[in-house]
Amino acid sequence: MTQFSRPAAPARRGLMFVMSSPSGAGKTTLSRRLMAEDDGITLSVSATTRPPRPGEVDGRDYYFVSPEQFQQLIADDQLLEWATVFGNRYGTPRGPVEAALQAGRDVLFDIDWQGTQQLQQTDAASDLVRVFILPPDLAELERRLHGRGTDSPDVISGRMSRARDEISHWGEYDYILVNDDADACLDEIFAILKAERLRRKRQLGLASFVRAMLGD
């Protein structure tokens, strides 16, 4: 009896999964739960010129570099995106992200709309999936910020002003989710991730797989 070998399923290229939101919309909590429940996605580690805080580990929390080293990364085109925040520079090293994508692993980005725009302009834009998390309304957003108990009224006022600006860029994202229930919102994130992983363009060797299936 002739034995036929089953063609191997095509490998998948990873994707860059961006989650953006105004402060207080629940993005950090959702990101942590996503990482804890899906071992196929890894968090992008940024390079920064700010000094490490107590408990932070180089290469795990951030890549801590000098201003001169950061500038050299920019000059060598080794950052996918970068920005200056409160006098310190932050950026996404190209090498680790591209290695993860080629290995079929997805990379989670916790960045704002400006960083997302920069990613959209890179040669890796086809790997990009952009999700924006909205609060139920601005009153709820302000209530959550006050509920943290970590910021002064002036700081909260500044965060609310910035939130309005960030929300105005919602149209630049592929998916818009309203986080009025964390469990439901996380389910929607998983649904997006599952569908994007199945896109034809991310199935490497798919043409060869089908030809082998048909015996061509």
Protein backbone atom coordinates (compact mmCIF):
# COMPACT_ATOMS: atom_id res chain seq x y z
CA MET A 1 0.00 0.00 0.00
CA THR A 2 1.43 3.34 -1.03
CA GLN A 3 2.06 5.73 1.84
CA PHE A 4 1.50 9.43 1.22
CA SER A 5 3.22 11.98 3.42
CA ARG A 6 1.07 14.77 4.72
CA PRO A 7 2.39 18.22 3.75
CA ALA A 8 3.52 20.29 6.70
CA ALA A 9 1.27 23.20 7.59
CA PRO A 10 2.75 26.54 6.53
CA ALA A 11 4.72 28.52 9.07
CA ARG A 12 3.41 31.91 10.13
CA ARG A 13 5.15 35.25 10.22
CA GLY A 14 4.61 37.18 13.44
CA LEU A 15 2.78 40.48 13.68
CA MET A 16 3.30 43.79 15.48
CA PHE A 17 0.30 44.21 17.76
CA VAL A 18 -0.07 47.83 18.89
CA MET A 19 -2.35 48.78 21.76
CA SER A 20 -2.78 52.49 22.42
CA SER A 21 -5.08 54.42 24.72
CA PRO A 22 -5.26 57.51 26.88
CA SER A 23 -3.97 57.07 30.41
CA GLY A 24 -6.65 55.46 32.59
CA ALA A 25 -8.47 53.57 29.83
CA GLY A 26 -7.20 50.20 31.11
CA LYS A 27 -4.57 49.39 28.50
CA THR A 28 -1.90 48.34 31.00
CA THR A 29 -4.22 45.88 32.73
CA LEU A 30 -5.38 44.44 29.41
CA SER A 31 -1.80 44.11 28.16
CA ARG A 32 -0.73 42.23 31.28
CA ARG A 33 -3.66 39.84 31.02
CA LEU A 34 -2.99 39.28 27.33
CA MET A 35 0.66 38.45 28.03
CA ALA A 36 -0.31 36.12 30.88
CA GLU A 37 -2.87 34.18 28.83
CA ASP A 38 -1.15 33.98 25.42
CA ASP A 39 2.36 32.56 25.21
CA GLY A 40 2.62 33.39 21.51
CA ILE A 41 3.08 37.11 22.09
CA THR A 42 5.99 38.94 23.68
CA LEU A 43 6.27 42.53 24.89
CA SER A 44 8.53 44.85 22.94
CA VAL A 45 11.34 46.16 25.15
CA SER A 46 12.18 49.80 24.52
CA ALA A 47 15.55 51.52 24.69
CA THR A 48 15.64 54.60 26.90
CA THR A 49 18.07 57.27 28.03
CA ARG A 50 16.48 57.62 31.46
CA PRO A 51 18.24 55.95 34.39
CA PRO A 52 16.82 52.67 35.73
CA ARG A 53 14.43 52.83 38.65
CA PRO A 54 14.74 50.53 41.68
CA GLY A 55 13.95 46.95 40.67
CA GLU A 56 14.22 47.52 36.92
CA VAL A 57 16.48 45.15 34.97
CA ASP A 58 18.36 46.06 31.82
CA GLY A 59 17.06 44.03 28.88
CA ARG A 60 13.87 43.04 30.69
CA ASP A 61 12.18 46.34 31.52
CA TYR A 62 14.19 48.57 29.17
CA TYR A 63 17.50 48.69 27.37
CA PHE A 64 19.21 51.48 29.28
CA VAL A 65 21.55 53.45 27.03
CA SER A 66 23.37 56.76 27.10
CA PRO A 67 22.14 59.74 25.05
CA GLU A 68 25.11 59.20 22.75
CA GLN A 69 24.26 55.53 22.24
CA PHE A 70 20.63 56.42 21.55
CA GLN A 71 21.65 58.97 18.95
CA GLN A 72 23.85 56.35 17.29
CA LEU A 73 20.90 53.94 17.14
CA ILE A 74 18.94 56.63 15.30
CA ALA A 75 21.83 57.33 12.92
CA ASP A 76 22.22 53.60 12.16
CA ASP A 77 18.46 53.19 11.52
CA GLN A 78 18.25 50.69 14.35
CA LEU A 79 15.04 52.08 15.87
CA LEU A 80 11.61 51.38 14.42
CA GLU A 81 10.19 54.38 16.27
CA TRP A 82 11.35 56.83 18.91
CA ALA A 83 10.19 59.88 20.84
CA THR A 84 11.27 62.28 23.58
CA VAL A 85 9.07 62.19 26.69
CA PHE A 86 9.70 64.51 29.65
CA GLY A 87 13.29 65.06 28.57
CA ASN A 88 14.15 61.37 28.09
CA ARG A 89 14.28 59.44 24.84
CA TYR A 90 12.44 56.16 24.25
CA GLY A 91 12.58 53.95 21.16
CA THR A 92 11.97 50.46 19.81
CA PRO A 93 15.11 48.56 18.74
CA ARG A 94 14.65 47.05 15.28
CA GLY A 95 16.70 43.85 15.72
CA PRO A 96 14.75 42.02 18.47
CA VAL A 97 11.41 42.84 16.84
CA GLU A 98 12.41 41.60 13.39
CA ALA A 99 13.91 38.43 14.86
CA ALA A 100 10.66 37.69 16.73
CA LEU A 101 8.53 38.28 13.62
CA GLN A 102 10.67 35.98 11.51
CA ALA A 103 10.41 33.30 14.20
CA GLY A 104 6.60 33.49 14.04
CA ARG A 105 6.21 35.27 17.37
CA ASP A 106 3.94 38.28 17.79
CA VAL A 107 5.21 41.44 19.45
CA LEU A 108 3.03 43.64 21.66
CA PHE A 109 3.67 47.39 21.55
CA ASP A 110 2.50 49.73 24.32
CA ILE A 111 3.01 53.02 22.46
CA ASP A 112 1.06 56.19 21.65
CA TRP A 113 -0.31 57.41 18.33
CA GLN A 114 2.96 59.12 17.40
CA GLY A 115 4.95 55.92 17.75
CA THR A 116 2.24 54.06 15.86
CA GLN A 117 2.49 56.55 12.99
CA GLN A 118 6.24 55.95 12.83
CA LEU A 119 5.74 52.18 12.68
CA GLN A 120 3.26 52.69 9.86
CA GLN A 121 5.98 54.43 7.86
CA THR A 122 8.56 51.63 8.20
CA ASP A 123 9.17 48.72 5.87
CA ALA A 124 7.49 46.49 8.49
CA ALA A 125 4.13 48.26 8.14
CA SER A 126 2.51 45.17 6.59
CA ASP A 127 3.06 43.37 9.93
CA LEU A 128 1.25 46.09 11.87
CA VAL A 129 -2.12 45.66 13.63
CA ARG A 130 -3.33 48.80 15.43
CA VAL A 131 -5.84 48.69 18.30
CA PHE A 132 -7.07 51.77 20.16
CA ILE A 133 -8.72 51.39 23.58
CA LEU A 134 -11.37 53.97 24.51
CA PRO A 135 -12.89 54.58 27.94
CA PRO A 136 -16.72 54.49 28.16
CA ASP A 137 -16.69 58.30 28.40
CA LEU A 138 -14.44 61.12 29.62
CA ALA A 139 -16.19 61.35 32.99
CA GLU A 140 -15.36 57.69 33.68
CA LEU A 141 -11.79 58.26 32.52
CA GLU A 142 -11.36 61.12 34.98
CA ARG A 143 -12.94 59.05 37.76
CA ARG A 144 -10.42 56.25 37.12
CA LEU A 145 -7.51 58.69 37.22
CA HIS A 146 -8.70 60.11 40.55
CA GLY A 147 -9.24 56.55 41.81
CA ARG A 148 -5.58 55.71 41.41
CA GLY A 149 -4.73 58.15 44.19
CA THR A 150 -1.25 58.71 42.73
CA ASP A 151 -1.61 62.02 40.89
CA SER A 152 -2.36 65.58 41.96
CA PRO A 153 -5.37 67.43 40.53
CA ASP A 154 -3.02 69.41 38.27
CA VAL A 155 -1.45 66.23 36.90
CA ILE A 156 -4.88 64.69 36.31
CA SER A 157 -5.98 67.85 34.51
CA GLY A 158 -2.94 67.53 32.25
CA ARG A 159 -3.68 63.86 31.60
CA MET A 160 -7.26 64.69 30.65
CA SER A 161 -6.08 67.36 28.22
CA ARG A 162 -3.66 64.90 26.65
CA ALA A 163 -6.38 62.22 26.55
CA ARG A 164 -8.54 64.43 24.33
CA ASP A 165 -5.66 64.85 21.91
CA GLU A 166 -4.89 61.11 21.88
CA ILE A 167 -8.53 60.16 21.33
CA SER A 168 -8.71 62.53 18.35
CA HIS A 169 -6.36 60.12 16.51
CA TRP A 170 -8.74 57.14 16.80
CA GLY A 171 -9.29 57.10 13.03
CA GLU A 172 -5.67 56.07 12.44
CA TYR A 173 -6.22 52.64 14.00
CA ASP A 174 -7.54 49.38 12.54
CA TYR A 175 -9.71 48.46 15.52
CA ILE A 176 -11.45 50.61 18.14
CA LEU A 177 -12.56 48.99 21.40
CA VAL A 178 -14.53 50.55 24.26
CA ASN A 179 -13.30 49.26 27.61
CA ASP A 180 -16.44 49.39 29.70
CA ASP A 181 -15.96 45.77 30.78
CA ALA A 182 -12.40 44.43 31.02
CA ASP A 183 -13.33 40.77 30.43
CA ALA A 184 -15.39 41.56 27.34
CA CYS A 185 -12.71 43.90 26.01
CA LEU A 186 -10.04 41.23 26.47
CA ASP A 187 -12.21 38.73 24.59
CA GLU A 188 -12.40 41.20 21.70
CA ILE A 189 -8.62 41.61 21.74
CA PHE A 190 -8.18 37.83 21.51
CA ALA A 191 -10.66 37.70 18.63
CA ILE A 192 -8.68 40.35 16.73
CA LEU A 193 -5.40 38.57 17.40
CA LYS A 194 -6.78 35.21 16.26
CA ALA A 195 -8.17 36.64 13.01
CA GLU A 196 -5.00 38.58 12.21
CA ARG A 197 -2.85 35.50 12.78
CA LEU A 198 -4.89 33.68 10.13
CA ARG A 199 -4.50 36.32 7.41
CA ARG A 200 -3.28 34.80 4.16
CA LYS A 201 -0.34 37.20 3.87
CA ARG A 202 1.12 35.92 7.13
CA GLN A 203 1.06 32.23 6.13
CA LEU A 204 4.58 31.58 4.87
CA GLY A 205 4.89 28.96 2.15
CA LEU A 206 1.12 28.77 1.69
CA ALA A 207 1.37 28.40 -2.11
CA SER A 208 3.78 25.47 -1.75
CA PHE A 209 1.54 23.91 0.89
CA VAL A 210 -1.50 24.02 -1.43
CA ARG A 211 0.51 22.70 -4.40
CA ALA A 212 1.72 19.77 -2.31
CA MET A 213 -1.83 19.11 -1.15
CA LEU A 214 -3.04 18.99 -4.75
CA GLY A 215 -0.10 16.92 -5.89
CA ASP A 216 1.21 19.55 -8.30
